[in-house]
PDB file of N, CA and C in Angstrom:
ATOM      1  N   TYR A   1       1.855 -10.813  63.259  1.00  0.00           N
ATOM      2  CA  TYR A   1       3.080 -11.697  62.082  1.00  0.00           C
ATOM      3  C   TYR A   1       2.223 -11.900  60.534  1.00  0.00           C
ATOM      4  N   PRO A   2       2.554 -11.341  59.932  1.00  0.00           N
ATOM      5  CA  PRO A   2       1.950 -11.497  58.307  1.00  0.00           C
ATOM      6  C   PRO A   2       1.868 -12.970  57.707  1.00  0.00           C
ATOM      7  N   VAL A   3       0.586 -12.996  57.644  1.00  0.00           N
ATOM      8  CA  VAL A   3       0.378 -14.299  56.707  1.00  0.00           C
ATOM      9  C   VAL A   3       1.489 -14.247  55.297  1.00  0.00           C
ATOM     10  N   THR A   4       2.274 -15.684  55.418  1.00  0.00           N
ATOM     11  CA  THR A   4       2.878 -15.580  54.147  1.00  0.00           C
ATOM     12  C   THR A   4       2.617 -16.266  53.008  1.00  0.00           C
ATOM     13  N   GLY A   5       1.466 -17.669  53.167  1.00  0.00           N
ATOM     14  CA  GLY A   5       0.831 -18.176  52.279  1.00  0.00           C
ATOM     15  C   GLY A   5      -0.840 -18.541  52.662  1.00  0.00           C
ATOM     16  N   ILE A   6      -1.264 -19.028  51.618  1.00  0.00           N
ATOM     17  CA  ILE A   6      -2.666 -19.912  51.560  1.00  0.00           C
ATOM     18  C   ILE A   6      -2.530 -20.837  50.590  1.00  0.00           C
ATOM     19  N   ALA A   7      -3.341 -22.007  51.239  1.00  0.00           N
ATOM     20  CA  ALA A   7      -3.614 -23.276  50.497  1.00  0.00           C
ATOM     21  C   ALA A   7      -4.920 -23.789  50.257  1.00  0.00           C
ATOM     22  N   LYS A   8      -5.222 -23.978  49.201  1.00  0.00           N
ATOM     23  CA  LYS A   8      -7.158 -24.818  48.987  1.00  0.00           C
ATOM     24  C   LYS A   8      -6.923 -25.827  48.984  1.00  0.00           C
ATOM     25  N   HIS A   9      -7.775 -26.201  49.689  1.00  0.00           N
ATOM     26  CA  HIS A   9      -7.925 -27.666  49.901  1.00  0.00           C
ATOM     27  C   HIS A   9      -9.529 -28.047  49.338  1.00  0.00           C
ATOM     28  N   PRO A  10      -9.235 -29.602  49.015  1.00  0.00           N
ATOM     29  CA  PRO A  10     -10.525 -30.121  47.772  1.00  0.00           C
ATOM     30  C   PRO A  10     -12.074 -30.161  48.409  1.00  0.00           C
ATOM     31  N   PHE A  11     -11.489 -29.876  50.067  1.00  0.00           N
ATOM     32  CA  PHE A  11     -13.200 -29.934  50.871  1.00  0.00           C
ATOM     33  C   PHE A  11     -13.115 -28.772  50.894  1.00  0.00           C
ATOM     34  N   GLU A  12     -13.115 -27.467  49.611  1.00  0.00           N
ATOM     35  CA  GLU A  12     -13.131 -26.205  50.260  1.00  0.00           C
ATOM     36  C   GLU A  12     -12.978 -26.038  51.670  1.00  0.00           C
ATOM     37  N   THR A  13     -12.032 -25.886  51.832  1.00  0.00           N
ATOM     38  CA  THR A  13     -11.428 -25.380  53.141  1.00  0.00           C
ATOM     39  C   THR A  13     -10.206 -24.856  52.727  1.00  0.00           C
ATOM     40  N   PHE A  14      -9.476 -23.832  53.109  1.00  0.00           N
ATOM     41  CA  PHE A  14      -8.153 -23.837  52.756  1.00  0.00           C
ATOM     42  C   PHE A  14      -6.791 -23.601  54.390  1.00  0.00           C
ATOM     43  N   ALA A  15      -6.207 -23.284  53.985  1.00  0.00           N
ATOM     44  CA  ALA A  15      -4.868 -23.375  55.006  1.00  0.00           C
ATOM     45  C   ALA A  15      -4.378 -21.772  55.164  1.00  0.00           C
ATOM     46  N   THR A  16      -3.901 -21.509  55.945  1.00  0.00           N
ATOM     47  CA  THR A  16      -2.623 -20.181  55.941  1.00  0.00           C
ATOM     48  C   THR A  16      -1.825 -20.464  56.880  1.00  0.00           C
ATOM     49  N   VAL A  17      -0.141 -19.920  56.476  1.00  0.00           N
ATOM     50  CA  VAL A  17       0.510 -19.988  57.046  1.00  0.00           C
ATOM     51  C   VAL A  17       1.415 -18.752  57.573  1.00  0.00           C
ATOM     52  N   GLY A  18       2.106 -18.711  58.150  1.00  0.00           N
ATOM     53  CA  GLY A  18       2.904 -16.641  58.805  1.00  0.00           C
ATOM     54  C   GLY A  18       3.828 -17.392  59.130  1.00  0.00           C
ATOM     55  N   GLY A  19       4.280 -15.795  60.037  1.00  0.00           N
ATOM     56  CA  GLY A  19       5.866 -15.805  60.454  1.00  0.00           C
ATOM     57  C   GLY A  19       5.536 -15.663  61.995  1.00  0.00           C
ATOM     58  N   ASP A  20       4.680 -16.043  62.774  1.00  0.00           N
ATOM     59  CA  ASP A  20       3.836 -16.343  64.286  1.00  0.00           C
ATOM     60  C   ASP A  20       4.559 -18.002  63.835  1.00  0.00           C
ATOM     61  N   GLY A  21       5.037 -18.555  62.539  1.00  0.00           N
ATOM     62  CA  GLY A  21       4.690 -20.144  63.193  1.00  0.00           C
ATOM     63  C   GLY A  21       3.620 -21.114  63.169  1.00  0.00           C
ATOM     64  N   ASP A  22       2.796 -20.407  62.963  1.00  0.00           N
ATOM     65  CA  ASP A  22       1.768 -21.095  63.178  1.00  0.00           C
ATOM     66  C   ASP A  22       0.884 -21.568  61.230  1.00  0.00           C
ATOM     67  N   PHE A  23       0.123 -22.905  61.709  1.00  0.00           N
ATOM     68  CA  PHE A  23      -0.499 -23.052  60.888  1.00  0.00           C
ATOM     69  C   PHE A  23      -1.754 -23.186  60.915  1.00  0.00           C
ATOM     70  N   VAL A  24      -2.817 -22.552  60.272  1.00  0.00           N
ATOM     71  CA  VAL A  24      -4.359 -22.716  59.855  1.00  0.00           C
ATOM     72  C   VAL A  24      -5.195 -23.337  59.088  1.00  0.00           C
ATOM     73  N   PHE A  25      -6.148 -24.041  59.136  1.00  0.00           N
ATOM     74  CA  PHE A  25      -7.023 -24.824  58.723  1.00  0.00           C
ATOM     75  C   PHE A  25      -8.549 -23.923  58.944  1.00  0.00           C
ATOM     76  N   TRP A  26      -8.533 -23.718  58.152  1.00  0.00           N
ATOM     77  CA  TRP A  26      -9.894 -22.681  58.036  1.00  0.00           C
ATOM     78  C   TRP A  26     -11.234 -23.040  57.303  1.00  0.00           C
ATOM     79  N   ASP A  27     -12.669 -23.172  57.757  1.00  0.00           N
ATOM     80  CA  ASP A  27     -13.549 -23.326  56.713  1.00  0.00           C
ATOM     81  C   ASP A  27     -14.304 -22.080  56.328  1.00  0.00           C
ATOM     82  N   TYR A  28     -13.934 -21.613  55.123  1.00  0.00           N
ATOM     83  CA  TYR A  28     -13.990 -20.480  54.629  1.00  0.00           C
ATOM     84  C   TYR A  28     -16.005 -20.127  54.844  1.00  0.00           C
ATOM     85  N   LYS A  29     -16.634 -20.683  53.979  1.00  0.00           N
ATOM     86  CA  LYS A  29     -18.308 -20.728  54.290  1.00  0.00           C
ATOM     87  C   LYS A  29     -18.746 -20.383  55.774  1.00  0.00           C
ATOM     88  N   ALA A  30     -18.524 -21.524  56.716  1.00  0.00           N
ATOM     89  CA  ALA A  30     -18.555 -20.904  58.072  1.00  0.00           C
ATOM     90  C   ALA A  30     -17.701 -19.735  58.699  1.00  0.00           C
ATOM     91  N   ARG A  31     -16.876 -19.168  58.311  1.00  0.00           N
ATOM     92  CA  ARG A  31     -15.803 -18.063  58.567  1.00  0.00           C
ATOM     93  C   ARG A  31     -15.423 -18.352  59.921  1.00  0.00           C
ATOM     94  N   SER A  32     -14.857 -20.222  60.464  1.00  0.00           N
ATOM     95  CA  SER A  32     -14.122 -20.129  61.154  1.00  0.00           C
ATOM     96  C   SER A  32     -13.337 -21.382  61.151  1.00  0.00           C
ATOM     97  N   ARG A  33     -12.064 -21.062  62.034  1.00  0.00           N
ATOM     98  CA  ARG A  33     -10.900 -22.276  62.401  1.00  0.00           C
ATOM     99  C   ARG A  33     -11.221 -23.483  62.646  1.00  0.00           C
ATOM    100  N   LEU A  34     -10.760 -24.458  61.820  1.00  0.00           N
ATOM    101  CA  LEU A  34     -11.040 -25.447  62.196  1.00  0.00           C
ATOM    102  C   LEU A  34      -9.733 -26.259  63.135  1.00  0.00           C
ATOM    103  N   LYS A  35      -8.669 -25.971  63.140  1.00  0.00           N
ATOM    104  CA  LYS A  35      -7.059 -26.338  63.424  1.00  0.00           C
ATOM    105  C   LYS A  35      -5.773 -25.483  63.745  1.00  0.00           C
ATOM    106  N   LYS A  36      -5.837 -25.162  64.398  1.00  0.00           N
ATOM    107  CA  LYS A  36      -4.476 -24.342  64.457  1.00  0.00           C
ATOM    108  C   LYS A  36      -3.447 -25.245  65.029  1.00  0.00           C
ATOM    109  N   CYS A  37      -1.968 -25.545  64.447  1.00  0.00           N
ATOM    110  CA  CYS A  37      -1.274 -25.642  65.014  1.00  0.00           C
ATOM    111  C   CYS A  37       0.092 -25.003  65.094  1.00  0.00           C
ATOM    112  N   SER A  38       0.956 -25.100  65.826  1.00  0.00           N
ATOM    113  CA  SER A  38       1.977 -24.119  66.407  1.00  0.00           C
ATOM    114  C   SER A  38       3.466 -24.828  66.274  1.00  0.00           C
ATOM    115  N   LEU A  39       4.666 -24.114  66.086  1.00  0.00           N
ATOM    116  CA  LEU A  39       5.363 -25.047  65.634  1.00  0.00           C
ATOM    117  C   LEU A  39       6.218 -24.872  67.485  1.00  0.00           C
ATOM    118  N   ASN A  40       5.795 -23.801  67.746  1.00  0.00           N
ATOM    119  CA  ASN A  40       5.957 -23.271  69.273  1.00  0.00           C
ATOM    120  C   ASN A  40       7.494 -23.168  69.779  1.00  0.00           C
ATOM    121  N   GLY A  41       8.372 -22.445  68.656  1.00  0.00           N
ATOM    122  CA  GLY A  41       9.730 -22.375  68.464  1.00  0.00           C
ATOM    123  C   GLY A  41      10.650 -23.874  68.789  1.00  0.00           C
ATOM    124  N   ASN A  42       9.930 -24.812  68.056  1.00  0.00           N
ATOM    125  CA  ASN A  42      10.468 -26.217  68.454  1.00  0.00           C
ATOM    126  C   ASN A  42      11.708 -25.721  67.380  1.00  0.00           C
ATOM    127  N   ILE A  43      11.772 -25.057  66.202  1.00  0.00           N
ATOM    128  CA  ILE A  43      12.752 -24.899  64.784  1.00  0.00           C
ATOM    129  C   ILE A  43      12.978 -23.548  65.054  1.00  0.00           C
ATOM    130  N   GLU A  44      14.566 -23.569  65.102  1.00  0.00           N
ATOM    131  CA  GLU A  44      14.999 -22.542  65.132  1.00  0.00           C
ATOM    132  C   GLU A  44      14.149 -21.371  64.358  1.00  0.00           C
ATOM    133  N   ASN A  45      14.353 -20.995  63.551  1.00  0.00           N
ATOM    134  CA  ASN A  45      13.527 -20.581  62.784  1.00  0.00           C
ATOM    135  C   ASN A  45      12.489 -20.394  62.319  1.00  0.00           C
ATOM    136  N   ASN A  46      11.011 -20.019  63.172  1.00  0.00           N
ATOM    137  CA  ASN A  46       9.953 -20.473  62.917  1.00  0.00           C
ATOM    138  C   ASN A  46       9.057 -20.039  62.043  1.00  0.00           C
ATOM    139  N   THR A  47       9.287 -18.929  60.826  1.00  0.00           N
ATOM    140  CA  THR A  47       8.286 -18.577  60.170  1.00  0.00           C
ATOM    141  C   THR A  47       8.377 -19.765  59.269  1.00  0.00           C
ATOM    142  N   ILE A  48       6.608 -19.543  58.692  1.00  0.00           N
ATOM    143  CA  ILE A  48       6.267 -20.718  57.687  1.00  0.00           C
ATOM    144  C   ILE A  48       6.417 -19.711  56.400  1.00  0.00           C
ATOM    145  N   THR A  49       7.017 -20.051  55.160  1.00  0.00           N
ATOM    146  CA  THR A  49       7.375 -19.298  54.325  1.00  0.00           C
ATOM    147  C   THR A  49       5.924 -19.434  53.393  1.00  0.00           C
ATOM    148  N   CYS A  50       5.639 -20.872  52.887  1.00  0.00           N
ATOM    149  CA  CYS A  50       4.413 -21.244  52.075  1.00  0.00           C
ATOM    150  C   CYS A  50       3.698 -22.250  52.627  1.00  0.00           C
ATOM    151  N   CYS A  51       3.366 -23.294  51.536  1.00  0.00           N
ATOM    152  CA  CYS A  51       2.415 -24.298  51.845  1.00  0.00           C
ATOM    153  C   CYS A  51       1.409 -24.630  50.814  1.00  0.00           C
ATOM    154  N   SER A  52       1.227 -26.122  50.668  1.00  0.00           N
ATOM    155  CA  SER A  52       0.486 -26.741  49.429  1.00  0.00           C
ATOM    156  C   SER A  52      -0.041 -28.155  50.198  1.00  0.00           C
ATOM    157  N   PHE A  53      -1.033 -28.206  49.536  1.00  0.00           N
ATOM    158  CA  PHE A  53      -1.672 -29.484  49.842  1.00  0.00           C
ATOM    159  C   PHE A  53      -1.583 -30.048  48.638  1.00  0.00           C
ATOM    160  N   ASN A  54      -1.424 -31.599  48.452  1.00  0.00           N
ATOM    161  CA  ASN A  54      -1.026 -32.940  47.689  1.00  0.00           C
ATOM    162  C   ASN A  54      -2.710 -32.351  46.945  1.00  0.00           C
ATOM    163  N   THR A  55      -2.832 -33.275  45.985  1.00  0.00           N
ATOM    164  CA  THR A  55      -4.070 -33.749  45.015  1.00  0.00           C
ATOM    165  C   THR A  55      -5.406 -33.988  45.634  1.00  0.00           C
ATOM    166  N   THR A  56      -5.071 -34.907  46.898  1.00  0.00           N
ATOM    167  CA  THR A  56      -6.095 -35.748  47.362  1.00  0.00           C
ATOM    168  C   THR A  56      -6.660 -34.939  48.643  1.00  0.00           C
ATOM    169  N   GLY A  57      -5.875 -34.273  49.473  1.00  0.00           N
ATOM    170  CA  GLY A  57      -6.196 -33.241  50.332  1.00  0.00           C
ATOM    171  C   GLY A  57      -5.116 -34.491  51.670  1.00  0.00           C
ATOM    172  N   ASN A  58      -4.737 -35.229  51.698  1.00  0.00           N
ATOM    173  CA  ASN A  58      -4.434 -35.692  53.119  1.00  0.00           C
ATOM    174  C   ASN A  58      -2.874 -35.812  53.092  1.00  0.00           C
ATOM    175  N   LEU A  59      -2.841 -34.688  52.595  1.00  0.00           N
ATOM    176  CA  LEU A  59      -0.641 -34.435  52.985  1.00  0.00           C
ATOM    177  C   LEU A  59      -1.032 -32.726  52.731  1.00  0.00           C
ATOM    178  N   PHE A  60      -0.415 -31.962  53.576  1.00  0.00           N
ATOM    179  CA  PHE A  60      -0.043 -30.482  53.767  1.00  0.00           C
ATOM    180  C   PHE A  60       1.257 -30.480  53.903  1.00  0.00           C
ATOM    181  N   ALA A  61       1.971 -29.540  53.042  1.00  0.00           N
ATOM    182  CA  ALA A  61       3.405 -29.112  53.017  1.00  0.00           C
ATOM    183  C   ALA A  61       3.625 -28.135  53.552  1.00  0.00           C
ATOM    184  N   TYR A  62       4.754 -27.727  54.254  1.00  0.00           N
ATOM    185  CA  TYR A  62       4.885 -26.223  54.514  1.00  0.00           C
ATOM    186  C   TYR A  62       6.470 -26.386  54.601  1.00  0.00           C
ATOM    187  N   ALA A  63       6.557 -25.217  53.978  1.00  0.00           N
ATOM    188  CA  ALA A  63       8.463 -24.443  54.280  1.00  0.00           C
ATOM    189  C   ALA A  63       8.559 -23.528  55.544  1.00  0.00           C
ATOM    190  N   VAL A  64       9.507 -23.918  55.915  1.00  0.00           N
ATOM    191  CA  VAL A  64      10.620 -23.236  57.503  1.00  0.00           C
ATOM    192  C   VAL A  64      11.328 -22.484  57.059  1.00  0.00           C
ATOM    193  N   GLY A  65      11.747 -21.169  57.237  1.00  0.00           N
ATOM    194  CA  GLY A  65      12.895 -20.362  56.731  1.00  0.00           C
ATOM    195  C   GLY A  65      12.951 -19.188  56.998  1.00  0.00           C
ATOM    196  N   TYR A  66      13.682 -18.236  56.799  1.00  0.00           N
ATOM    197  CA  TYR A  66      13.937 -16.744  56.955  1.00  0.00           C
ATOM    198  C   TYR A  66      13.169 -16.034  56.049  1.00  0.00           C
ATOM    199  N   ASP A  67      12.005 -15.085  56.199  1.00  0.00           N
ATOM    200  CA  ASP A  67      11.431 -14.956  55.919  1.00  0.00           C
ATOM    201  C   ASP A  67      11.660 -12.773  55.380  1.00  0.00           C
ATOM    202  N   TRP A  68      12.858 -12.834  55.664  1.00  0.00           N
ATOM    203  CA  TRP A  68      13.665 -11.409  55.373  1.00  0.00           C
ATOM    204  C   TRP A  68      12.831  -9.996  55.851  1.00  0.00           C
ATOM    205  N   SER A  69      12.067 -10.668  56.988  1.00  0.00           N
ATOM    206  CA  SER A  69      11.246  -9.257  57.466  1.00  0.00           C
ATOM    207  C   SER A  69      11.750  -7.895  58.235  1.00  0.00           C
ATOM    208  N   LEU A  70      13.753  -8.872  59.025  1.00  0.00           N
ATOM    209  CA  LEU A  70      14.001  -8.212  59.242  1.00  0.00           C
ATOM    210  C   LEU A  70      15.467  -7.570  58.641  1.00  0.00           C
ATOM    211  N   GLY A  71      15.873  -8.411  57.007  1.00  0.00           N
ATOM    212  CA  GLY A  71      16.635  -7.699  56.626  1.00  0.00           C
ATOM    213  C   GLY A  71      18.094  -9.260  56.632  1.00  0.00           C
ATOM    214  N   PRO A  72      19.051  -8.717  55.627  1.00  0.00           N
ATOM    215  CA  PRO A  72      19.508  -9.751  55.050  1.00  0.00           C
ATOM    216  C   PRO A  72      20.861  -9.742  56.848  1.00  0.00           C
ATOM    217  N   LYS A  73      20.873  -9.058  57.443  1.00  0.00           N
ATOM    218  CA  LYS A  73      21.686  -9.013  58.731  1.00  0.00           C
ATOM    219  C   LYS A  73      21.478 -10.029  59.371  1.00  0.00           C
ATOM    220  N   LYS A  74      19.945 -10.444  59.590  1.00  0.00           N
ATOM    221  CA  LYS A  74      19.434 -10.295  60.788  1.00  0.00           C
ATOM    222  C   LYS A  74      19.230 -12.627  60.494  1.00  0.00           C
ATOM    223  N   ASP A  75      19.738 -12.493  59.736  1.00  0.00           N
ATOM    224  CA  ASP A  75      19.658 -14.010  59.438  1.00  0.00           C
ATOM    225  C   ASP A  75      20.651 -14.686  59.605  1.00  0.00           C
ATOM    226  N   THR A  76      19.717 -15.572  60.961  1.00  0.00           N
ATOM    227  CA  THR A  76      20.545 -16.627  61.528  1.00  0.00           C
ATOM    228  C   THR A  76      20.068 -17.904  61.431  1.00  0.00           C
ATOM    229  N   SER A  77      19.507 -18.359  60.274  1.00  0.00           N
ATOM    230  CA  SER A  77      19.051 -19.764  59.703  1.00  0.00           C
ATOM    231  C   SER A  77      19.935 -20.917  59.491  1.00  0.00           C
ATOM    232  N   GLU A  78      19.963 -22.232  59.431  1.00  0.00           N
ATOM    233  CA  GLU A  78      20.988 -23.007  58.748  1.00  0.00           C
ATOM    234  C   GLU A  78      20.149 -22.642  57.772  1.00  0.00           C
ATOM    235  N   GLY A  79      19.108 -22.607  57.134  1.00  0.00           N
ATOM    236  CA  GLY A  79      18.687 -22.981  55.611  1.00  0.00           C
ATOM    237  C   GLY A  79      17.037 -23.409  55.805  1.00  0.00           C
ATOM    238  N   ASN A  80      16.456 -23.834  54.623  1.00  0.00           N
ATOM    239  CA  ASN A  80      15.243 -23.471  54.681  1.00  0.00           C
ATOM    240  C   ASN A  80      14.743 -25.121  54.552  1.00  0.00           C
ATOM    241  N   CYS A  81      13.615 -25.239  55.485  1.00  0.00           N
ATOM    242  CA  CYS A  81      12.935 -26.689  55.616  1.00  0.00           C
ATOM    243  C   CYS A  81      11.929 -27.121  55.333  1.00  0.00           C
ATOM    244  N   ILE A  82      11.366 -27.813  54.609  1.00  0.00           N
ATOM    245  CA  ILE A  82       9.731 -28.784  54.227  1.00  0.00           C
ATOM    246  C   ILE A  82       9.723 -29.794  55.366  1.00  0.00           C
ATOM    247  N   TYR A  83       8.725 -29.489  55.475  1.00  0.00           N
ATOM    248  CA  TYR A  83       7.711 -30.711  56.654  1.00  0.00           C
ATOM    249  C   TYR A  83       6.213 -30.950  55.968  1.00  0.00           C
ATOM    250  N   PHE A  84       6.296 -32.347  56.598  1.00  0.00           N
ATOM    251  CA  PHE A  84       4.794 -32.402  56.024  1.00  0.00           C
ATOM    252  C   PHE A  84       3.539 -33.170  56.871  1.00  0.00           C
ATOM    253  N   HIS A  85       2.546 -32.600  57.060  1.00  0.00           N
ATOM    254  CA  HIS A  85       1.784 -33.056  58.320  1.00  0.00           C
ATOM    255  C   HIS A  85       0.637 -33.836  57.375  1.00  0.00           C
ATOM    256  N   ILE A  86       0.167 -35.165  58.037  1.00  0.00           N
ATOM    257  CA  ILE A  86      -0.734 -35.472  57.654  1.00  0.00           C
ATOM    258  C   ILE A  86      -2.395 -35.155  58.094  1.00  0.00           C
ATOM    259  N   CYS A  87      -3.148 -35.292  57.056  1.00  0.00           N
ATOM    260  CA  CYS A  87      -4.187 -34.469  57.155  1.00  0.00           C
ATOM    261  C   CYS A  87      -5.158 -35.290  57.700  1.00  0.00           C
ATOM    262  N   GLU A  88      -5.795 -35.502  59.305  1.00  0.00           N
ATOM    263  CA  GLU A  88      -6.883 -36.113  59.556  1.00  0.00           C
ATOM    264  C   GLU A  88      -8.003 -35.840  58.821  1.00  0.00           C
ATOM    265  N   GLU A  89      -9.148 -36.344  58.588  1.00  0.00           N
ATOM    266  CA  GLU A  89     -10.204 -35.633  57.761  1.00  0.00           C
ATOM    267  C   GLU A  89     -11.021 -34.668  59.153  1.00  0.00           C
ATOM    268  N   SER A  90     -10.318 -34.844  59.846  1.00  0.00           N
ATOM    269  CA  SER A  90     -11.592 -34.140  61.250  1.00  0.00           C
ATOM    270  C   SER A  90     -10.942 -32.848  61.114  1.00  0.00           C
ATOM    271  N   GLU A  91      -9.778 -32.666  60.986  1.00  0.00           N
ATOM    272  CA  GLU A  91      -8.763 -31.783  61.173  1.00  0.00           C
ATOM    273  C   GLU A  91      -9.350 -30.696  60.144  1.00  0.00           C
ATOM    274  N   ILE A  92      -9.736 -30.811  58.558  1.00  0.00           N
ATOM    275  CA  ILE A  92      -9.922 -30.086  57.555  1.00  0.00           C
ATOM    276  C   ILE A  92     -11.047 -30.247  56.991  1.00  0.00           C
ATOM    277  N   GLN A  93     -12.416 -31.155  57.624  1.00  0.00           N
ATOM    278  CA  GLN A  93     -13.760 -31.160  56.850  1.00  0.00           C
ATOM    279  C   GLN A  93     -14.569 -29.715  57.429  1.00  0.00           C
ATOM    280  N   PRO A  94     -15.044 -30.036  56.643  1.00  0.00           N
ATOM    281  CA  PRO A  94     -16.074 -28.528  56.581  1.00  0.00           C
ATOM    282  C   PRO A  94     -17.264 -28.887  57.482  1.00  0.00           C
ATOM    283  N   LYS A  95     -17.772 -27.559  57.908  1.00  0.00           N
ATOM    284  CA  LYS A  95     -18.568 -27.733  59.645  1.00  0.00           C
ATOM    285  C   LYS A  95     -19.778 -27.797  58.543  1.00  0.00           C
ATOM    286  N   ASP A  96     -21.074 -28.551  58.638  1.00  0.00           N
ATOM    287  CA  ASP A  96     -22.530 -27.798  58.574  1.00  0.00           C
ATOM    288  C   ASP A  96     -23.039 -27.049  59.344  1.00  0.00           C
ATOM    289  N   LYS A  97     -23.477 -25.618  58.533  1.00  0.00           N
ATOM    290  CA  LYS A  97     -23.775 -24.788  59.505  1.00  0.00           C
ATOM    291  C   LYS A  97     -25.220 -25.072  60.065  1.00  0.00           C
ATOM    292  N   LYS A  98     -26.013 -25.727  59.639  1.00  0.00           N
ATOM    293  CA  LYS A  98     -27.283 -26.224  60.840  1.00  0.00           C
ATOM    294  C   LYS A  98     -26.918 -26.569  61.526  1.00  0.00           C
ATOM    295  N   THR A  99     -25.974 -27.877  61.822  1.00  0.00           N
ATOM    296  CA  THR A  99     -25.459 -28.142  63.185  1.00  0.00           C
ATOM    297  C   THR A  99     -23.879 -27.794  64.085  1.00  0.00           C
ATOM    298  N   ASN A 100     -23.698 -27.321  63.105  1.00  0.00           N
ATOM    299  CA  ASN A 100     -22.284 -27.264  63.302  1.00  0.00           C
ATOM    300  C   ASN A 100     -21.281 -27.968  63.616  1.00  0.00           C
ATOM    301  N   ARG A 101     -21.537 -29.205  63.486  1.00  0.00           N
ATOM    302  CA  ARG A 101     -20.348 -30.537  63.096  1.00  0.00           C
ATOM    303  C   ARG A 101     -20.036 -30.648  61.594  1.00  0.00           C
ATOM    304  N   ARG A 102     -19.104 -31.536  61.770  1.00  0.00           N
ATOM    305  CA  ARG A 102     -18.395 -31.704  61.043  1.00  0.00           C
ATOM    306  C   ARG A 102     -19.231 -32.596  59.364  1.00  0.00           C
ATOM    307  N   ARG A 103     -18.916 -32.057  58.280  1.00  0.00           N
ATOM    308  CA  ARG A 103     -19.621 -33.140  57.195  1.00  0.00           C
ATOM    309  C   ARG A 103     -18.833 -34.140  57.582  1.00  0.00           C
ATOM    310  N   HIS A 104     -19.983 -35.127  56.796  1.00  0.00           N
ATOM    311  CA  HIS A 104     -19.256 -36.653  56.153  1.00  0.00           C
ATOM    312  C   HIS A 104     -19.803 -36.646  54.745  1.00  0.00           C
TER     313      HIS A 104
END
């Protein structure tokens, strides 16, 4: 599945979203995944097309809709929707390299 969006977080971490309906928070310095969330078919067309954090990083917004990967005839969606995820610090805080624990 394609990665359709990347968003930088103020904690020096970032998020990716994609055609599989997942959004993932990453620690790029440790090169590791912090958290993965899946739509799991709870939304009819589960392609996440773009994403962004607010300026303080406690709110993550993502849009779900058709990505046109199969052409216009395969679009069965009712339209696009925007969803919000409230970020807990433990989900997005980078890990300390020495201890492999979240930094405070």
